[in-house]
């Protein structure tokens, strides 16, 4: 399942030409000094939004908080199996997340 979902994640990111997938062991996308999508060891995809959109999307997409290594990722929602049935719609969400991240002040405190 992990390998299959990684292929889906790669396909999703490939639909968004403004950024690329990073990370060899922990795939993710990042811009402006912030990660905005993540593929965890459980093979789940999370996408980051503003707190307001995160709360609205919990209801709209019948989803919940995204966790990685047991920790809740602030601002992220879990991309469900149901959502992955329409990668074009999820690509729109990923692009929305990128736009949100680019609207923030650049993060100059990246971990080394």
PDB file of N, CA and C in Angstrom:
ATOM      1  N   UNK A   1       0.831  -1.205   0.000  1.00  0.00           N
ATOM      2  CA  UNK A   1       0.000   0.000   0.000  1.00  0.00           C
ATOM      3  C   UNK A   1       0.867   1.257   0.000  1.00  0.00           C
ATOM      4  N   UNK A   2       1.969   1.256   0.774  1.00  0.00           N
ATOM      5  CA  UNK A   2       2.836   2.428   0.857  1.00  0.00           C
ATOM      6  C   UNK A   2       3.352   2.801  -0.525  1.00  0.00           C
ATOM      7  N   UNK A   3       3.857   1.820  -1.256  1.00  0.00           N
ATOM      8  CA  UNK A   3       4.410   2.081  -2.596  1.00  0.00           C
ATOM      9  C   UNK A   3       3.327   2.597  -3.548  1.00  0.00           C
ATOM     10  N   UNK A   4       2.137   1.995  -3.493  1.00  0.00           N
ATOM     11  CA  UNK A   4       1.030   2.444  -4.345  1.00  0.00           C
ATOM     12  C   UNK A   4       0.658   3.884  -4.033  1.00  0.00           C
ATOM     13  N   UNK A   5       0.560   4.196  -2.745  1.00  0.00           N
ATOM     14  CA  UNK A   5       0.192   5.556  -2.360  1.00  0.00           C
ATOM     15  C   UNK A   5       1.295   6.555  -2.678  1.00  0.00           C
ATOM     16  N   UNK A   6       2.554   6.121  -2.625  1.00  0.00           N
ATOM     17  CA  UNK A   6       3.653   7.008  -3.014  1.00  0.00           C
ATOM     18  C   UNK A   6       3.537   7.359  -4.493  1.00  0.00           C
ATOM     19  N   UNK A   7       3.160   6.395  -5.318  1.00  0.00           N
ATOM     20  CA  UNK A   7       2.954   6.668  -6.745  1.00  0.00           C
ATOM     21  C   UNK A   7       1.826   7.681  -6.934  1.00  0.00           C
ATOM     22  N   UNK A   8       0.770   7.543  -6.151  1.00  0.00           N
ATOM     23  CA  UNK A   8      -0.350   8.499  -6.215  1.00  0.00           C
ATOM     24  C   UNK A   8       0.131   9.890  -5.791  1.00  0.00           C
ATOM     25  N   UNK A   9       0.919   9.946  -4.710  1.00  0.00           N
ATOM     26  CA  UNK A   9       1.451  11.242  -4.245  1.00  0.00           C
ATOM     27  C   UNK A   9       2.318  11.877  -5.336  1.00  0.00           C
ATOM     28  N   UNK A  10       3.188  11.083  -5.950  1.00  0.00           N
ATOM     29  CA  UNK A  10       4.033  11.611  -7.022  1.00  0.00           C
ATOM     30  C   UNK A  10       3.195  12.101  -8.201  1.00  0.00           C
ATOM     31  N   UNK A  11       2.156  11.348  -8.533  1.00  0.00           N
ATOM     32  CA  UNK A  11       1.262  11.752  -9.618  1.00  0.00           C
ATOM     33  C   UNK A  11       0.548  13.064  -9.265  1.00  0.00           C
ATOM     34  N   UNK A  12       0.122  13.175  -8.024  1.00  0.00           N
ATOM     35  CA  UNK A  12      -0.536  14.393  -7.556  1.00  0.00           C
ATOM     36  C   UNK A  12       0.389  15.596  -7.682  1.00  0.00           C
ATOM     37  N   UNK A  13       1.602  15.483  -7.159  1.00  0.00           N
ATOM     38  CA  UNK A  13       2.547  16.600  -7.207  1.00  0.00           C
ATOM     39  C   UNK A  13       2.912  16.934  -8.655  1.00  0.00           C
ATOM     40  N   UNK A  14       2.993  15.930  -9.516  1.00  0.00           N
ATOM     41  CA  UNK A  14       3.321  16.157 -10.925  1.00  0.00           C
ATOM     42  C   UNK A  14       2.258  17.003 -11.635  1.00  0.00           C
ATOM     43  N   UNK A  15       1.031  17.018 -11.102  1.00  0.00           N
ATOM     44  CA  UNK A  15      -0.047  17.832 -11.681  1.00  0.00           C
ATOM     45  C   UNK A  15       0.119  19.317 -11.344  1.00  0.00           C
ATOM     46  N   UNK A  16       1.106  19.642 -10.514  1.00  0.00           N
ATOM     47  CA  UNK A  16       1.308  21.001 -10.020  1.00  0.00           C
ATOM     48  C   UNK A  16       2.708  21.475 -10.419  1.00  0.00           C
ATOM     49  N   UNK A  17       2.850  22.103 -11.591  1.00  0.00           N
ATOM     50  CA  UNK A  17       4.182  22.442 -12.106  1.00  0.00           C
ATOM     51  C   UNK A  17       4.925  23.562 -11.357  1.00  0.00           C
ATOM     52  N   UNK A  18       4.281  24.259 -10.434  1.00  0.00           N
ATOM     53  CA  UNK A  18       4.966  25.357  -9.740  1.00  0.00           C
ATOM     54  C   UNK A  18       5.917  24.887  -8.648  1.00  0.00           C
ATOM     55  N   UNK A  19       5.887  23.608  -8.302  1.00  0.00           N
ATOM     56  CA  UNK A  19       6.763  23.076  -7.265  1.00  0.00           C
ATOM     57  C   UNK A  19       7.006  21.598  -7.542  1.00  0.00           C
ATOM     58  N   UNK A  20       7.923  21.011  -6.800  1.00  0.00           N
ATOM     59  CA  UNK A  20       8.242  19.596  -7.013  1.00  0.00           C
ATOM     60  C   UNK A  20       8.300  18.852  -5.693  1.00  0.00           C
ATOM     61  N   UNK A  21       8.260  17.552  -5.818  1.00  0.00           N
ATOM     62  CA  UNK A  21       8.367  16.697  -4.647  1.00  0.00           C
ATOM     63  C   UNK A  21       9.810  16.636  -4.191  1.00  0.00           C
ATOM     64  N   UNK A  22      10.002  16.729  -2.892  1.00  0.00           N
ATOM     65  CA  UNK A  22      11.314  16.658  -2.275  1.00  0.00           C
ATOM     66  C   UNK A  22      11.356  15.466  -1.330  1.00  0.00           C
ATOM     67  N   UNK A  23      12.537  15.153  -0.821  1.00  0.00           N
ATOM     68  CA  UNK A  23      12.673  14.111   0.190  1.00  0.00           C
ATOM     69  C   UNK A  23      12.753  12.716  -0.388  1.00  0.00           C
ATOM     70  N   UNK A  24      13.743  11.965   0.060  1.00  0.00           N
ATOM     71  CA  UNK A  24      13.897  10.580  -0.405  1.00  0.00           C
ATOM     72  C   UNK A  24      13.171   9.605   0.515  1.00  0.00           C
ATOM     73  N   UNK A  25      13.383   9.734   1.819  1.00  0.00           N
ATOM     74  CA  UNK A  25      12.751   8.795   2.749  1.00  0.00           C
ATOM     75  C   UNK A  25      11.436   9.335   3.304  1.00  0.00           C
ATOM     76  N   UNK A  26      11.270  10.647   3.328  1.00  0.00           N
ATOM     77  CA  UNK A  26      10.037  11.284   3.785  1.00  0.00           C
ATOM     78  C   UNK A  26       9.608  12.299   2.724  1.00  0.00           C
ATOM     79  N   UNK A  27       8.852  11.853   1.716  1.00  0.00           N
ATOM     80  CA  UNK A  27       8.449  12.750   0.632  1.00  0.00           C
ATOM     81  C   UNK A  27       7.593  13.919   1.135  1.00  0.00           C
ATOM     82  N   UNK A  28       7.861  15.094   0.570  1.00  0.00           N
ATOM     83  CA  UNK A  28       7.130  16.299   0.971  1.00  0.00           C
ATOM     84  C   UNK A  28       7.260  17.358  -0.110  1.00  0.00           C
ATOM     85  N   UNK A  29       6.472  18.435   0.023  1.00  0.00           N
ATOM     86  CA  UNK A  29       6.646  19.636  -0.786  1.00  0.00           C
ATOM     87  C   UNK A  29       6.901  20.786   0.168  1.00  0.00           C
ATOM     88  N   UNK A  30       7.665  21.748  -0.318  1.00  0.00           N
ATOM     89  CA  UNK A  30       8.049  22.880   0.521  1.00  0.00           C
ATOM     90  C   UNK A  30       8.229  24.108  -0.356  1.00  0.00           C
ATOM     91  N   UNK A  31       7.879  25.264   0.206  1.00  0.00           N
ATOM     92  CA  UNK A  31       8.092  26.546  -0.471  1.00  0.00           C
ATOM     93  C   UNK A  31       8.119  27.635   0.593  1.00  0.00           C
ATOM     94  N   UNK A  32       8.844  28.680   0.325  1.00  0.00           N
ATOM     95  CA  UNK A  32       8.852  29.835   1.225  1.00  0.00           C
ATOM     96  C   UNK A  32       9.338  29.456   2.631  1.00  0.00           C
ATOM     97  N   UNK A  33      10.054  28.331   2.724  1.00  0.00           N
ATOM     98  CA  UNK A  33      10.575  27.888   4.018  1.00  0.00           C
ATOM     99  C   UNK A  33       9.618  27.040   4.835  1.00  0.00           C
ATOM    100  N   UNK A  34       8.489  26.622   4.231  1.00  0.00           N
ATOM    101  CA  UNK A  34       7.478  25.830   4.939  1.00  0.00           C
ATOM    102  C   UNK A  34       7.141  24.571   4.143  1.00  0.00           C
ATOM    103  N   UNK A  35       6.980  23.461   4.844  1.00  0.00           N
ATOM    104  CA  UNK A  35       6.397  22.288   4.196  1.00  0.00           C
ATOM    105  C   UNK A  35       4.898  22.545   4.042  1.00  0.00           C
ATOM    106  N   UNK A  36       4.320  22.050   2.937  1.00  0.00           N
ATOM    107  CA  UNK A  36       2.872  22.219   2.783  1.00  0.00           C
ATOM    108  C   UNK A  36       2.160  20.950   2.337  1.00  0.00           C
ATOM    109  N   UNK A  37       2.910  19.910   2.070  1.00  0.00           N
ATOM    110  CA  UNK A  37       2.307  18.586   1.934  1.00  0.00           C
ATOM    111  C   UNK A  37       3.340  17.571   2.382  1.00  0.00           C
ATOM    112  N   UNK A  38       2.823  16.419   2.800  1.00  0.00           N
ATOM    113  CA  UNK A  38       3.700  15.428   3.402  1.00  0.00           C
ATOM    114  C   UNK A  38       3.123  14.041   3.164  1.00  0.00           C
ATOM    115  N   UNK A  39       4.020  13.089   2.969  1.00  0.00           N
ATOM    116  CA  UNK A  39       3.656  11.682   2.803  1.00  0.00           C
ATOM    117  C   UNK A  39       4.297  10.939   3.970  1.00  0.00           C
ATOM    118  N   UNK A  40       3.478  10.394   4.873  1.00  0.00           N
ATOM    119  CA  UNK A  40       4.028   9.810   6.100  1.00  0.00           C
ATOM    120  C   UNK A  40       4.352   8.324   5.954  1.00  0.00           C
ATOM    121  N   UNK A  41       4.926   7.757   7.004  1.00  0.00           N
ATOM    122  CA  UNK A  41       5.351   6.353   6.951  1.00  0.00           C
ATOM    123  C   UNK A  41       4.173   5.386   6.873  1.00  0.00           C
ATOM    124  N   UNK A  42       2.962   5.867   7.190  1.00  0.00           N
ATOM    125  CA  UNK A  42       1.754   5.047   7.056  1.00  0.00           C
ATOM    126  C   UNK A  42       1.193   5.095   5.630  1.00  0.00           C
ATOM    127  N   UNK A  43       1.836   5.874   4.754  1.00  0.00           N
ATOM    128  CA  UNK A  43       1.371   5.982   3.377  1.00  0.00           C
ATOM    129  C   UNK A  43       0.214   6.940   3.207  1.00  0.00           C
ATOM    130  N   UNK A  44       0.090   7.894   4.137  1.00  0.00           N
ATOM    131  CA  UNK A  44      -1.007   8.873   4.088  1.00  0.00           C
ATOM    132  C   UNK A  44      -0.472  10.223   3.601  1.00  0.00           C
ATOM    133  N   UNK A  45      -1.341  10.953   2.932  1.00  0.00           N
ATOM    134  CA  UNK A  45      -1.004  12.272   2.409  1.00  0.00           C
ATOM    135  C   UNK A  45      -1.693  13.327   3.265  1.00  0.00           C
ATOM    136  N   UNK A  46      -0.940  14.361   3.605  1.00  0.00           N
ATOM    137  CA  UNK A  46      -1.491  15.504   4.322  1.00  0.00           C
ATOM    138  C   UNK A  46      -1.184  16.776   3.559  1.00  0.00           C
ATOM    139  N   UNK A  47      -2.129  17.701   3.570  1.00  0.00           N
ATOM    140  CA  UNK A  47      -1.950  19.000   2.918  1.00  0.00           C
ATOM    141  C   UNK A  47      -2.282  20.089   3.930  1.00  0.00           C
ATOM    142  N   UNK A  48      -1.463  21.139   3.927  1.00  0.00           N
ATOM    143  CA  UNK A  48      -1.574  22.224   4.907  1.00  0.00           C
ATOM    144  C   UNK A  48      -2.405  23.391   4.379  1.00  0.00           C
ATOM    145  N   UNK A  49      -3.228  23.944   5.281  1.00  0.00           N
ATOM    146  CA  UNK A  49      -4.069  25.099   4.963  1.00  0.00           C
ATOM    147  C   UNK A  49      -4.061  26.074   6.120  1.00  0.00           C
ATOM    148  N   UNK A  50      -4.684  27.227   5.902  1.00  0.00           N
ATOM    149  CA  UNK A  50      -4.906  28.152   7.014  1.00  0.00           C
ATOM    150  C   UNK A  50      -5.804  27.455   8.026  1.00  0.00           C
ATOM    151  N   UNK A  51      -5.772  27.905   9.249  1.00  0.00           N
ATOM    152  CA  UNK A  51      -6.589  27.293  10.304  1.00  0.00           C
ATOM    153  C   UNK A  51      -8.079  27.323   9.920  1.00  0.00           C
ATOM    154  N   UNK A  52      -8.526  28.428   9.333  1.00  0.00           N
ATOM    155  CA  UNK A  52      -9.931  28.559   8.944  1.00  0.00           C
ATOM    156  C   UNK A  52     -10.305  27.519   7.874  1.00  0.00           C
ATOM    157  N   UNK A  53      -9.460  27.409   6.852  1.00  0.00           N
ATOM    158  CA  UNK A  53      -9.757  26.439   5.794  1.00  0.00           C
ATOM    159  C   UNK A  53      -9.643  25.016   6.308  1.00  0.00           C
ATOM    160  N   UNK A  54      -8.669  24.764   7.171  1.00  0.00           N
ATOM    161  CA  UNK A  54      -8.540  23.428   7.745  1.00  0.00           C
ATOM    162  C   UNK A  54      -9.847  23.021   8.416  1.00  0.00           C
ATOM    163  N   UNK A  55     -10.385  23.886   9.249  1.00  0.00           N
ATOM    164  CA  UNK A  55     -11.628  23.579   9.964  1.00  0.00           C
ATOM    165  C   UNK A  55     -12.787  23.365   8.987  1.00  0.00           C
ATOM    166  N   UNK A  56     -12.878  24.201   7.967  1.00  0.00           N
ATOM    167  CA  UNK A  56     -13.958  24.064   6.977  1.00  0.00           C
ATOM    168  C   UNK A  56     -13.818  22.756   6.195  1.00  0.00           C
ATOM    169  N   UNK A  57     -12.597  22.369   5.879  1.00  0.00           N
ATOM    170  CA  UNK A  57     -12.364  21.161   5.085  1.00  0.00           C
ATOM    171  C   UNK A  57     -12.608  19.888   5.885  1.00  0.00           C
ATOM    172  N   UNK A  58     -12.483  19.956   7.196  1.00  0.00           N
ATOM    173  CA  UNK A  58     -12.837  18.784   8.009  1.00  0.00           C
ATOM    174  C   UNK A  58     -14.268  18.357   7.694  1.00  0.00           C
ATOM    175  N   UNK A  59     -15.161  19.347   7.637  1.00  0.00           N
ATOM    176  CA  UNK A  59     -16.567  19.072   7.369  1.00  0.00           C
ATOM    177  C   UNK A  59     -16.803  18.785   5.891  1.00  0.00           C
ATOM    178  N   UNK A  60     -16.283  19.650   5.029  1.00  0.00           N
ATOM    179  CA  UNK A  60     -16.532  19.523   3.590  1.00  0.00           C
ATOM    180  C   UNK A  60     -16.074  18.172   3.038  1.00  0.00           C
ATOM    181  N   UNK A  61     -14.935  17.691   3.498  1.00  0.00           N
ATOM    182  CA  UNK A  61     -14.374  16.449   2.952  1.00  0.00           C
ATOM    183  C   UNK A  61     -14.464  15.268   3.906  1.00  0.00           C
ATOM    184  N   UNK A  62     -15.179  15.443   5.023  1.00  0.00           N
ATOM    185  CA  UNK A  62     -15.344  14.384   6.012  1.00  0.00           C
ATOM    186  C   UNK A  62     -13.988  13.758   6.360  1.00  0.00           C
ATOM    187  N   UNK A  63     -13.075  14.616   6.797  1.00  0.00           N
ATOM    188  CA  UNK A  63     -11.726  14.174   7.128  1.00  0.00           C
ATOM    189  C   UNK A  63     -11.334  14.672   8.513  1.00  0.00           C
ATOM    190  N   UNK A  64     -10.080  14.540   8.852  1.00  0.00           N
ATOM    191  CA  UNK A  64      -9.614  14.857  10.191  1.00  0.00           C
ATOM    192  C   UNK A  64      -8.190  15.405  10.131  1.00  0.00           C
ATOM    193  N   UNK A  65      -7.593  15.558  11.296  1.00  0.00           N
ATOM    194  CA  UNK A  65      -6.216  16.022  11.394  1.00  0.00           C
ATOM    195  C   UNK A  65      -5.279  14.997  10.762  1.00  0.00           C
ATOM    196  N   UNK A  66      -4.204  15.497  10.200  1.00  0.00           N
ATOM    197  CA  UNK A  66      -3.166  14.649   9.627  1.00  0.00           C
ATOM    198  C   UNK A  66      -2.073  14.452  10.664  1.00  0.00           C
ATOM    199  N   UNK A  67      -1.631  13.220  10.805  1.00  0.00           N
ATOM    200  CA  UNK A  67      -0.584  12.901  11.765  1.00  0.00           C
ATOM    201  C   UNK A  67       0.617  12.303  11.045  1.00  0.00           C
ATOM    202  N   UNK A  68       1.787  12.644  11.529  1.00  0.00           N
ATOM    203  CA  UNK A  68       3.016  12.054  11.023  1.00  0.00           C
ATOM    204  C   UNK A  68       3.880  11.703  12.221  1.00  0.00           C
ATOM    205  N   UNK A  69       4.342  10.472  12.271  1.00  0.00           N
ATOM    206  CA  UNK A  69       5.132   9.970  13.402  1.00  0.00           C
ATOM    207  C   UNK A  69       4.408  10.213  14.729  1.00  0.00           C
ATOM    208  N   UNK A  70       3.083  10.046  14.725  1.00  0.00           N
ATOM    209  CA  UNK A  70       2.282  10.162  15.924  1.00  0.00           C
ATOM    210  C   UNK A  70       1.933  11.580  16.352  1.00  0.00           C
ATOM    211  N   UNK A  71       2.464  12.571  15.655  1.00  0.00           N
ATOM    212  CA  UNK A  71       2.208  13.974  16.025  1.00  0.00           C
ATOM    213  C   UNK A  71       1.187  14.592  15.059  1.00  0.00           C
ATOM    214  N   UNK A  72       0.258  15.376  15.617  1.00  0.00           N
ATOM    215  CA  UNK A  72      -0.686  16.121  14.787  1.00  0.00           C
ATOM    216  C   UNK A  72       0.076  17.252  14.109  1.00  0.00           C
ATOM    217  N   UNK A  73      -0.051  17.344  12.803  1.00  0.00           N
ATOM    218  CA  UNK A  73       0.621  18.387  12.029  1.00  0.00           C
ATOM    219  C   UNK A  73      -0.299  19.610  11.949  1.00  0.00           C
ATOM    220  N   UNK A  74       0.134  20.711  12.527  1.00  0.00           N
ATOM    221  CA  UNK A  74      -0.666  21.932  12.569  1.00  0.00           C
ATOM    222  C   UNK A  74      -1.058  22.404  11.178  1.00  0.00           C
ATOM    223  N   UNK A  75      -2.367  22.625  10.984  1.00  0.00           N
ATOM    224  CA  UNK A  75      -2.887  23.147   9.737  1.00  0.00           C
ATOM    225  C   UNK A  75      -3.149  22.111   8.658  1.00  0.00           C
ATOM    226  N   UNK A  76      -2.704  20.894   8.858  1.00  0.00           N
ATOM    227  CA  UNK A  76      -2.847  19.853   7.831  1.00  0.00           C
ATOM    228  C   UNK A  76      -4.167  19.104   7.974  1.00  0.00           C
ATOM    229  N   UNK A  77      -4.678  18.652   6.809  1.00  0.00           N
ATOM    230  CA  UNK A  77      -5.805  17.723   6.802  1.00  0.00           C
ATOM    231  C   UNK A  77      -5.338  16.412   6.180  1.00  0.00           C
ATOM    232  N   UNK A  78      -5.962  15.329   6.592  1.00  0.00           N
ATOM    233  CA  UNK A  78      -5.705  14.021   6.008  1.00  0.00           C
ATOM    234  C   UNK A  78      -6.447  13.928   4.683  1.00  0.00           C
ATOM    235  N   UNK A  79      -5.731  13.578   3.621  1.00  0.00           N
ATOM    236  CA  UNK A  79      -6.361  13.360   2.318  1.00  0.00           C
ATOM    237  C   UNK A  79      -6.854  11.913   2.308  1.00  0.00           C
ATOM    238  N   UNK A  80      -8.155  11.753   2.297  1.00  0.00           N
ATOM    239  CA  UNK A  80      -8.763  10.431   2.443  1.00  0.00           C
ATOM    240  C   UNK A  80      -8.711   9.637   1.133  1.00  0.00           C
ATOM    241  N   UNK A  81      -8.936   8.338   1.255  1.00  0.00           N
ATOM    242  CA  UNK A  81      -9.023   7.470   0.076  1.00  0.00           C
ATOM    243  C   UNK A  81     -10.114   7.977  -0.872  1.00  0.00           C
ATOM    244  N   UNK A  82     -11.233   8.414  -0.302  1.00  0.00           N
ATOM    245  CA  UNK A  82     -12.334   8.949  -1.118  1.00  0.00           C
ATOM    246  C   UNK A  82     -11.869  10.157  -1.925  1.00  0.00           C
ATOM    247  N   UNK A  83     -11.127  11.065  -1.284  1.00  0.00           N
ATOM    248  CA  UNK A  83     -10.637  12.259  -1.971  1.00  0.00           C
ATOM    249  C   UNK A  83      -9.676  11.888  -3.098  1.00  0.00           C
ATOM    250  N   UNK A  84      -8.884  10.847  -2.899  1.00  0.00           N
ATOM    251  CA  UNK A  84      -7.878  10.451  -3.888  1.00  0.00           C
ATOM    252  C   UNK A  84      -8.493   9.864  -5.157  1.00  0.00           C
ATOM    253  N   UNK A  85      -9.795   9.632  -5.137  1.00  0.00           N
ATOM    254  CA  UNK A  85     -10.466   9.142  -6.338  1.00  0.00           C
ATOM    255  C   UNK A  85     -10.541  10.212  -7.417  1.00  0.00           C
ATOM    256  N   UNK A  86     -10.343  11.479  -7.024  1.00  0.00           N
ATOM    257  CA  UNK A  86     -10.333  12.588  -7.989  1.00  0.00           C
ATOM    258  C   UNK A  86      -9.069  13.414  -7.772  1.00  0.00           C
ATOM    259  N   UNK A  87      -7.977  12.961  -8.378  1.00  0.00           N
ATOM    260  CA  UNK A  87      -6.681  13.634  -8.176  1.00  0.00           C
ATOM    261  C   UNK A  87      -6.677  15.064  -8.700  1.00  0.00           C
ATOM    262  N   UNK A  88      -7.492  15.359  -9.703  1.00  0.00           N
ATOM    263  CA  UNK A  88      -7.539  16.729 -10.212  1.00  0.00           C
ATOM    264  C   UNK A  88      -8.055  17.683  -9.132  1.00  0.00           C
ATOM    265  N   UNK A  89      -9.069  17.260  -8.383  1.00  0.00           N
ATOM    266  CA  UNK A  89      -9.590  18.097  -7.292  1.00  0.00           C
ATOM    267  C   UNK A  89      -8.564  18.231  -6.177  1.00  0.00           C
ATOM    268  N   UNK A  90      -7.869  17.139  -5.864  1.00  0.00           N
ATOM    269  CA  UNK A  90      -6.843  17.202  -4.815  1.00  0.00           C
ATOM    270  C   UNK A  90      -5.684  18.092  -5.280  1.00  0.00           C
ATOM    271  N   UNK A  91      -5.375  18.072  -6.575  1.00  0.00           N
ATOM    272  CA  UNK A  91      -4.336  18.955  -7.117  1.00  0.00           C
ATOM    273  C   UNK A  91      -4.722  20.426  -6.925  1.00  0.00           C
ATOM    274  N   UNK A  92      -6.012  20.727  -7.062  1.00  0.00           N
ATOM    275  CA  UNK A  92      -6.473  22.095  -6.800  1.00  0.00           C
ATOM    276  C   UNK A  92      -6.233  22.464  -5.338  1.00  0.00           C
ATOM    277  N   UNK A  93      -6.479  21.523  -4.434  1.00  0.00           N
ATOM    278  CA  UNK A  93      -6.219  21.772  -3.012  1.00  0.00           C
ATOM    279  C   UNK A  93      -4.730  21.964  -2.752  1.00  0.00           C
ATOM    280  N   UNK A  94      -3.897  21.169  -3.408  1.00  0.00           N
ATOM    281  CA  UNK A  94      -2.456  21.301  -3.225  1.00  0.00           C
ATOM    282  C   UNK A  94      -1.971  22.649  -3.740  1.00  0.00           C
ATOM    283  N   UNK A  95      -2.510  23.095  -4.864  1.00  0.00           N
ATOM    284  CA  UNK A  95      -2.165  24.426  -5.377  1.00  0.00           C
ATOM    285  C   UNK A  95      -2.663  25.526  -4.440  1.00  0.00           C
ATOM    286  N   UNK A  96      -3.834  25.328  -3.861  1.00  0.00           N
ATOM    287  CA  UNK A  96      -4.354  26.286  -2.876  1.00  0.00           C
ATOM    288  C   UNK A  96      -3.412  26.361  -1.674  1.00  0.00           C
ATOM    289  N   UNK A  97      -2.929  25.213  -1.240  1.00  0.00           N
ATOM    290  CA  UNK A  97      -1.997  25.165  -0.119  1.00  0.00           C
ATOM    291  C   UNK A  97      -0.709  25.917  -0.452  1.00  0.00           C
ATOM    292  N   UNK A  98      -0.193  25.715  -1.657  1.00  0.00           N
ATOM    293  CA  UNK A  98       1.009  26.427  -2.109  1.00  0.00           C
ATOM    294  C   UNK A  98       0.777  27.931  -2.067  1.00  0.00           C
ATOM    295  N   UNK A  99      -0.369  28.385  -2.576  1.00  0.00           N
ATOM    296  CA  UNK A  99      -0.686  29.819  -2.554  1.00  0.00           C
ATOM    297  C   UNK A  99      -0.738  30.353  -1.123  1.00  0.00           C
ATOM    298  N   UNK A 100      -1.309  29.562  -0.209  1.00  0.00           N
ATOM    299  CA  UNK A 100      -1.376  29.962   1.190  1.00  0.00           C
ATOM    300  C   UNK A 100       0.040  30.108   1.759  1.00  0.00           C
ATOM    301  N   UNK A 101       0.876  29.137   1.534  1.00  0.00           N
ATOM    302  CA  UNK A 101       2.246  29.171   2.052  1.00  0.00           C
ATOM    303  C   UNK A 101       3.017  30.356   1.483  1.00  0.00           C
ATOM    304  N   UNK A 102       2.804  30.651   0.224  1.00  0.00           N
ATOM    305  CA  UNK A 102       3.500  31.774  -0.407  1.00  0.00           C
ATOM    306  C   UNK A 102       2.995  33.118   0.108  1.00  0.00           C
ATOM    307  N   UNK A 103       1.807  33.133   0.736  1.00  0.00           N
ATOM    308  CA  UNK A 103       1.273  34.386   1.291  1.00  0.00           C
ATOM    309  C   UNK A 103       1.861  34.694   2.674  1.00  0.00           C
ATOM    310  N   UNK A 104       2.523  33.713   3.271  1.00  0.00           N
ATOM    311  CA  UNK A 104       3.116  33.896   4.602  1.00  0.00           C
ATOM    312  C   UNK A 104       4.474  34.595   4.494  1.00  0.00           C
ATOM    313  N   UNK A 105       4.887  35.194   5.601  1.00  0.00           N
ATOM    314  CA  UNK A 105       6.245  35.734   5.664  1.00  0.00           C
ATOM    315  C   UNK A 105       7.210  34.571   5.478  1.00  0.00           C
ATOM    316  N   UNK A 106       8.295  34.747   4.735  1.00  0.00           N
ATOM    317  CA  UNK A 106       9.237  33.643   4.561  1.00  0.00           C
ATOM    318  C   UNK A 106       9.757  33.131   5.904  1.00  0.00           C
ATOM    319  N   UNK A 107       9.850  31.837   6.016  1.00  0.00           N
ATOM    320  CA  UNK A 107      10.358  31.206   7.238  1.00  0.00           C
ATOM    321  C   UNK A 107      11.878  31.170   7.152  1.00  0.00           C
ATOM    322  N   UNK A 108      12.516  31.994   7.935  1.00  0.00           N
ATOM    323  CA  UNK A 108      13.980  32.069   7.902  1.00  0.00           C
ATOM    324  C   UNK A 108      14.603  31.186   8.976  1.00  0.00           C
ATOM    325  N   UNK A 109      13.783  30.435   9.701  1.00  0.00           N
ATOM    326  CA  UNK A 109      14.281  29.594  10.788  1.00  0.00           C
ATOM    327  C   UNK A 109      14.162  28.128  10.430  1.00  0.00           C
ATOM    328  N   UNK A 110      14.522  27.784   9.218  1.00  0.00           N
ATOM    329  CA  UNK A 110      14.466  26.393   8.788  1.00  0.00           C
ATOM    330  C   UNK A 110      15.438  25.571   9.621  1.00  0.00           C
ATOM    331  N   UNK A 111      15.025  24.348   9.932  1.00  0.00           N
ATOM    332  CA  UNK A 111      15.916  23.440  10.641  1.00  0.00           C
ATOM    333  C   UNK A 111      17.004  22.968   9.681  1.00  0.00           C
ATOM    334  N   UNK A 112      18.206  22.824  10.205  1.00  0.00           N
ATOM    335  CA  UNK A 112      19.314  22.345   9.382  1.00  0.00           C
ATOM    336  C   UNK A 112      19.362  20.849   9.379  1.00  0.00           C
TER     337      UNK A 112
END
